Amino acid sequence: MLGWVLTFLVLALIAALLGFGGIASAFAGVAKVLFVIFLVLLVASLIFAGVRGRRPPPAA
């Protein structure tokens, strides 16, 4: 997911350098949305991993 954010960020920077303002802002918007989704998923996975913790293996 973070790779997609970086890809769209690079595409936005290239489009901005070439003078395509509308396309650059669209790519930047997509990069922002993907970054927020990435952060939400990261926090959720950290919370679930902390809540679950280590459980002992089931007794045979």
PDB file of N, CA and C in Angstrom:
ATOM      1  N   MET A   1       0.833  -1.192   0.000  1.00  0.00           N
ATOM      2  CA  MET A   1       0.000   0.000   0.000  1.00  0.00           C
ATOM      3  C   MET A   1       0.875   1.252   0.000  1.00  0.00           C
ATOM      4  N   LEU A   2       1.922   1.206   0.788  1.00  0.00           N
ATOM      5  CA  LEU A   2       2.810   2.359   0.840  1.00  0.00           C
ATOM      6  C   LEU A   2       3.526   2.554  -0.499  1.00  0.00           C
ATOM      7  N   GLY A   3       3.766   1.467  -1.192  1.00  0.00           N
ATOM      8  CA  GLY A   3       4.370   1.556  -2.527  1.00  0.00           C
ATOM      9  C   GLY A   3       3.482   2.313  -3.506  1.00  0.00           C
ATOM     10  N   TRP A   4       2.170   2.083  -3.417  1.00  0.00           N
ATOM     11  CA  TRP A   4       1.234   2.803  -4.276  1.00  0.00           C
ATOM     12  C   TRP A   4       1.242   4.295  -3.948  1.00  0.00           C
ATOM     13  N   VAL A   5       1.327   4.622  -2.663  1.00  0.00           N
ATOM     14  CA  VAL A   5       1.377   6.029  -2.257  1.00  0.00           C
ATOM     15  C   VAL A   5       2.592   6.708  -2.870  1.00  0.00           C
ATOM     16  N   LEU A   6       3.736   6.055  -2.762  1.00  0.00           N
ATOM     17  CA  LEU A   6       4.963   6.634  -3.316  1.00  0.00           C
ATOM     18  C   LEU A   6       4.886   6.748  -4.832  1.00  0.00           C
ATOM     19  N   THR A   7       4.271   5.768  -5.493  1.00  0.00           N
ATOM     20  CA  THR A   7       4.125   5.817  -6.948  1.00  0.00           C
ATOM     21  C   THR A   7       3.296   7.018  -7.370  1.00  0.00           C
ATOM     22  N   PHE A   8       2.137   7.208  -6.724  1.00  0.00           N
ATOM     23  CA  PHE A   8       1.289   8.340  -7.080  1.00  0.00           C
ATOM     24  C   PHE A   8       1.947   9.667  -6.724  1.00  0.00           C
ATOM     25  N   LEU A   9       2.726   9.693  -5.649  1.00  0.00           N
ATOM     26  CA  LEU A   9       3.430  10.917  -5.282  1.00  0.00           C
ATOM     27  C   LEU A   9       4.472  11.280  -6.337  1.00  0.00           C
ATOM     28  N   VAL A  10       5.213  10.300  -6.806  1.00  0.00           N
ATOM     29  CA  VAL A  10       6.213  10.546  -7.850  1.00  0.00           C
ATOM     30  C   VAL A  10       5.535  10.987  -9.144  1.00  0.00           C
ATOM     31  N   LEU A  11       4.416  10.341  -9.493  1.00  0.00           N
ATOM     32  CA  LEU A  11       3.693  10.744 -10.700  1.00  0.00           C
ATOM     33  C   LEU A  11       3.175  12.173 -10.578  1.00  0.00           C
ATOM     34  N   ALA A  12       2.720  12.555  -9.386  1.00  0.00           N
ATOM     35  CA  ALA A  12       2.250  13.927  -9.174  1.00  0.00           C
ATOM     36  C   ALA A  12       3.391  14.921  -9.333  1.00  0.00           C
ATOM     37  N   LEU A  13       4.552  14.583  -8.791  1.00  0.00           N
ATOM     38  CA  LEU A  13       5.704  15.485  -8.917  1.00  0.00           C
ATOM     39  C   LEU A  13       6.145  15.628 -10.366  1.00  0.00           C
ATOM     40  N   ILE A  14       6.163  14.529 -11.105  1.00  0.00           N
ATOM     41  CA  ILE A  14       6.560  14.592 -12.520  1.00  0.00           C
ATOM     42  C   ILE A  14       5.551  15.416 -13.314  1.00  0.00           C
ATOM     43  N   ALA A  15       4.260  15.177 -13.068  1.00  0.00           N
ATOM     44  CA  ALA A  15       3.233  15.941 -13.786  1.00  0.00           C
ATOM     45  C   ALA A  15       3.325  17.422 -13.447  1.00  0.00           C
ATOM     46  N   ALA A  16       3.623  17.753 -12.200  1.00  0.00           N
ATOM     47  CA  ALA A  16       3.752  19.161 -11.812  1.00  0.00           C
ATOM     48  C   ALA A  16       4.955  19.805 -12.497  1.00  0.00           C
ATOM     49  N   LEU A  17       6.047  19.068 -12.590  1.00  0.00           N
ATOM     50  CA  LEU A  17       7.233  19.607 -13.258  1.00  0.00           C
ATOM     51  C   LEU A  17       6.990  19.851 -14.747  1.00  0.00           C
ATOM     52  N   LEU A  18       6.141  19.014 -15.352  1.00  0.00           N
ATOM     53  CA  LEU A  18       5.859  19.163 -16.776  1.00  0.00           C
ATOM     54  C   LEU A  18       4.746  20.169 -17.054  1.00  0.00           C
ATOM     55  N   GLY A  19       4.147  20.711 -15.990  1.00  0.00           N
ATOM     56  CA  GLY A  19       3.138  21.747 -16.174  1.00  0.00           C
ATOM     57  C   GLY A  19       1.712  21.256 -16.240  1.00  0.00           C
ATOM     58  N   PHE A  20       1.465  20.006 -15.934  1.00  0.00           N
ATOM     59  CA  PHE A  20       0.103  19.475 -15.942  1.00  0.00           C
ATOM     60  C   PHE A  20      -0.485  19.611 -14.541  1.00  0.00           C
ATOM     61  N   GLY A  21      -1.002  20.793 -14.233  1.00  0.00           N
ATOM     62  CA  GLY A  21      -1.485  21.091 -12.883  1.00  0.00           C
ATOM     63  C   GLY A  21      -2.666  20.249 -12.448  1.00  0.00           C
ATOM     64  N   GLY A  22      -3.642  20.057 -13.337  1.00  0.00           N
ATOM     65  CA  GLY A  22      -4.827  19.286 -12.986  1.00  0.00           C
ATOM     66  C   GLY A  22      -4.514  17.833 -12.701  1.00  0.00           C
ATOM     67  N   ILE A  23      -3.694  17.255 -13.546  1.00  0.00           N
ATOM     68  CA  ILE A  23      -3.311  15.850 -13.366  1.00  0.00           C
ATOM     69  C   ILE A  23      -2.461  15.708 -12.113  1.00  0.00           C
ATOM     70  N   ALA A  24      -1.584  16.659 -11.875  1.00  0.00           N
ATOM     71  CA  ALA A  24      -0.731  16.597 -10.688  1.00  0.00           C
ATOM     72  C   ALA A  24      -1.572  16.661  -9.421  1.00  0.00           C
ATOM     73  N   SER A  25      -2.595  17.513  -9.408  1.00  0.00           N
ATOM     74  CA  SER A  25      -3.424  17.603  -8.207  1.00  0.00           C
ATOM     75  C   SER A  25      -4.257  16.336  -8.025  1.00  0.00           C
ATOM     76  N   ALA A  26      -4.672  15.717  -9.120  1.00  0.00           N
ATOM     77  CA  ALA A  26      -5.418  14.458  -9.016  1.00  0.00           C
ATOM     78  C   ALA A  26      -4.535  13.358  -8.443  1.00  0.00           C
ATOM     79  N   PHE A  27      -3.314  13.244  -8.940  1.00  0.00           N
ATOM     80  CA  PHE A  27      -2.384  12.235  -8.419  1.00  0.00           C
ATOM     81  C   PHE A  27      -2.065  12.496  -6.945  1.00  0.00           C
ATOM     82  N   ALA A  28      -1.899  13.762  -6.584  1.00  0.00           N
ATOM     83  CA  ALA A  28      -1.617  14.094  -5.187  1.00  0.00           C
ATOM     84  C   ALA A  28      -2.804  13.747  -4.298  1.00  0.00           C
ATOM     85  N   GLY A  29      -4.005  13.970  -4.792  1.00  0.00           N
ATOM     86  CA  GLY A  29      -5.202  13.613  -4.035  1.00  0.00           C
ATOM     87  C   GLY A  29      -5.304  12.120  -3.799  1.00  0.00           C
ATOM     88  N   VAL A  30      -5.024  11.343  -4.829  1.00  0.00           N
ATOM     89  CA  VAL A  30      -5.045   9.884  -4.690  1.00  0.00           C
ATOM     90  C   VAL A  30      -3.970   9.433  -3.712  1.00  0.00           C
ATOM     91  N   ALA A  31      -2.802  10.039  -3.778  1.00  0.00           N
ATOM     92  CA  ALA A  31      -1.717   9.678  -2.865  1.00  0.00           C
ATOM     93  C   ALA A  31      -2.108   9.978  -1.422  1.00  0.00           C
ATOM     94  N   LYS A  32      -2.788  11.097  -1.189  1.00  0.00           N
ATOM     95  CA  LYS A  32      -3.225  11.444   0.171  1.00  0.00           C
ATOM     96  C   LYS A  32      -4.238  10.434   0.696  1.00  0.00           C
ATOM     97  N   VAL A  33      -5.205  10.071  -0.140  1.00  0.00           N
ATOM     98  CA  VAL A  33      -6.227   9.106   0.283  1.00  0.00           C
ATOM     99  C   VAL A  33      -5.593   7.752   0.589  1.00  0.00           C
ATOM    100  N   LEU A  34      -4.717   7.290  -0.275  1.00  0.00           N
ATOM    101  CA  LEU A  34      -4.059   5.997  -0.044  1.00  0.00           C
ATOM    102  C   LEU A  34      -3.197   6.034   1.212  1.00  0.00           C
ATOM    103  N   PHE A  35      -2.559   7.164   1.487  1.00  0.00           N
ATOM    104  CA  PHE A  35      -1.730   7.277   2.686  1.00  0.00           C
ATOM    105  C   PHE A  35      -2.586   7.197   3.944  1.00  0.00           C
ATOM    106  N   VAL A  36      -3.742   7.842   3.931  1.00  0.00           N
ATOM    107  CA  VAL A  36      -4.640   7.779   5.091  1.00  0.00           C
ATOM    108  C   VAL A  36      -5.140   6.352   5.293  1.00  0.00           C
ATOM    109  N   ILE A  37      -5.502   5.672   4.203  1.00  0.00           N
ATOM    110  CA  ILE A  37      -5.933   4.272   4.312  1.00  0.00           C
ATOM    111  C   ILE A  37      -4.807   3.418   4.868  1.00  0.00           C
ATOM    112  N   PHE A  38      -3.582   3.649   4.395  1.00  0.00           N
ATOM    113  CA  PHE A  38      -2.425   2.910   4.903  1.00  0.00           C
ATOM    114  C   PHE A  38      -2.258   3.125   6.402  1.00  0.00           C
ATOM    115  N   LEU A  39      -2.368   4.377   6.858  1.00  0.00           N
ATOM    116  CA  LEU A  39      -2.211   4.664   8.282  1.00  0.00           C
ATOM    117  C   LEU A  39      -3.306   4.001   9.118  1.00  0.00           C
ATOM    118  N   VAL A  40      -4.540   4.030   8.631  1.00  0.00           N
ATOM    119  CA  VAL A  40      -5.641   3.401   9.363  1.00  0.00           C
ATOM    120  C   VAL A  40      -5.414   1.899   9.480  1.00  0.00           C
ATOM    121  N   LEU A  41      -5.008   1.262   8.393  1.00  0.00           N
ATOM    122  CA  LEU A  41      -4.745  -0.178   8.433  1.00  0.00           C
ATOM    123  C   LEU A  41      -3.560  -0.512   9.327  1.00  0.00           C
ATOM    124  N   LEU A  42      -2.538   0.336   9.346  1.00  0.00           N
ATOM    125  CA  LEU A  42      -1.387   0.117  10.210  1.00  0.00           C
ATOM    126  C   LEU A  42      -1.785   0.181  11.674  1.00  0.00           C
ATOM    127  N   VAL A  43      -2.536   1.221  12.037  1.00  0.00           N
ATOM    128  CA  VAL A  43      -2.967   1.368  13.426  1.00  0.00           C
ATOM    129  C   VAL A  43      -3.879   0.208  13.832  1.00  0.00           C
ATOM    130  N   ALA A  44      -4.797  -0.184  12.947  1.00  0.00           N
ATOM    131  CA  ALA A  44      -5.694  -1.301  13.260  1.00  0.00           C
ATOM    132  C   ALA A  44      -4.917  -2.590  13.462  1.00  0.00           C
ATOM    133  N   SER A  45      -3.932  -2.861  12.625  1.00  0.00           N
ATOM    134  CA  SER A  45      -3.159  -4.097  12.782  1.00  0.00           C
ATOM    135  C   SER A  45      -2.316  -4.068  14.051  1.00  0.00           C
ATOM    136  N   LEU A  46      -1.799  -2.903  14.421  1.00  0.00           N
ATOM    137  CA  LEU A  46      -1.040  -2.810  15.673  1.00  0.00           C
ATOM    138  C   LEU A  46      -1.939  -3.026  16.886  1.00  0.00           C
ATOM    139  N   ILE A  47      -3.143  -2.465  16.832  1.00  0.00           N
ATOM    140  CA  ILE A  47      -4.081  -2.649  17.942  1.00  0.00           C
ATOM    141  C   ILE A  47      -4.491  -4.105  18.057  1.00  0.00           C
ATOM    142  N   PHE A  48      -4.841  -4.731  16.949  1.00  0.00           N
ATOM    143  CA  PHE A  48      -5.261  -6.135  16.993  1.00  0.00           C
ATOM    144  C   PHE A  48      -4.122  -7.052  17.423  1.00  0.00           C
ATOM    145  N   ALA A  49      -2.905  -6.746  17.006  1.00  0.00           N
ATOM    146  CA  ALA A  49      -1.767  -7.563  17.433  1.00  0.00           C
ATOM    147  C   ALA A  49      -1.513  -7.401  18.925  1.00  0.00           C
ATOM    148  N   GLY A  50      -1.700  -6.199  19.447  1.00  0.00           N
ATOM    149  CA  GLY A  50      -1.512  -5.971  20.874  1.00  0.00           C
ATOM    150  C   GLY A  50      -2.590  -6.617  21.713  1.00  0.00           C
ATOM    151  N   VAL A  51      -3.823  -6.587  21.226  1.00  0.00           N
ATOM    152  CA  VAL A  51      -4.934  -7.191  21.962  1.00  0.00           C
ATOM    153  C   VAL A  51      -4.809  -8.706  21.967  1.00  0.00           C
ATOM    154  N   ARG A  52      -4.449  -9.259  20.814  1.00  0.00           N
ATOM    155  CA  ARG A  52      -4.361 -10.706  20.706  1.00  0.00           C
ATOM    156  C   ARG A  52      -3.201 -11.250  21.522  1.00  0.00           C
ATOM    157  N   GLY A  53      -2.063 -10.600  21.433  1.00  0.00           N
ATOM    158  CA  GLY A  53      -0.888 -11.002  22.210  1.00  0.00           C
ATOM    159  C   GLY A  53      -0.437 -12.424  21.903  1.00  0.00           C
ATOM    160  N   ARG A  54       0.412 -12.960  22.785  1.00  0.00           N
ATOM    161  CA  ARG A  54       0.887 -14.338  22.616  1.00  0.00           C
ATOM    162  C   ARG A  54       0.036 -15.253  23.474  1.00  0.00           C
ATOM    163  N   ARG A  55      -0.479 -16.265  22.856  1.00  0.00           N
ATOM    164  CA  ARG A  55      -1.277 -17.264  23.575  1.00  0.00           C
ATOM    165  C   ARG A  55      -0.479 -18.556  23.645  1.00  0.00           C
ATOM    166  N   PRO A  56      -0.562 -19.256  24.738  1.00  0.00           N
ATOM    167  CA  PRO A  56       0.139 -20.539  24.813  1.00  0.00           C
ATOM    168  C   PRO A  56      -0.493 -21.540  23.866  1.00  0.00           C
ATOM    169  N   PRO A  57       0.295 -22.488  23.374  1.00  0.00           N
ATOM    170  CA  PRO A  57      -0.275 -23.494  22.457  1.00  0.00           C
ATOM    171  C   PRO A  57      -1.284 -24.365  23.216  1.00  0.00           C
ATOM    172  N   PRO A  58      -2.276 -24.875  22.510  1.00  0.00           N
ATOM    173  CA  PRO A  58      -3.294 -25.704  23.178  1.00  0.00           C
ATOM    174  C   PRO A  58      -2.680 -26.993  23.723  1.00  0.00           C
ATOM    175  N   ALA A  59      -3.150 -27.403  24.899  1.00  0.00           N
ATOM    176  CA  ALA A  59      -2.640 -28.624  25.531  1.00  0.00           C
ATOM    177  C   ALA A  59      -3.199 -29.838  24.789  1.00  0.00           C
ATOM    178  N   ALA A  60      -2.324 -30.815  24.614  1.00  0.00           N
ATOM    179  CA  ALA A  60      -2.741 -32.008  23.881  1.00  0.00           C
ATOM    180  C   ALA A  60      -3.341 -33.040  24.809  1.00  0.00           C
TER     181      ALA A  60
END
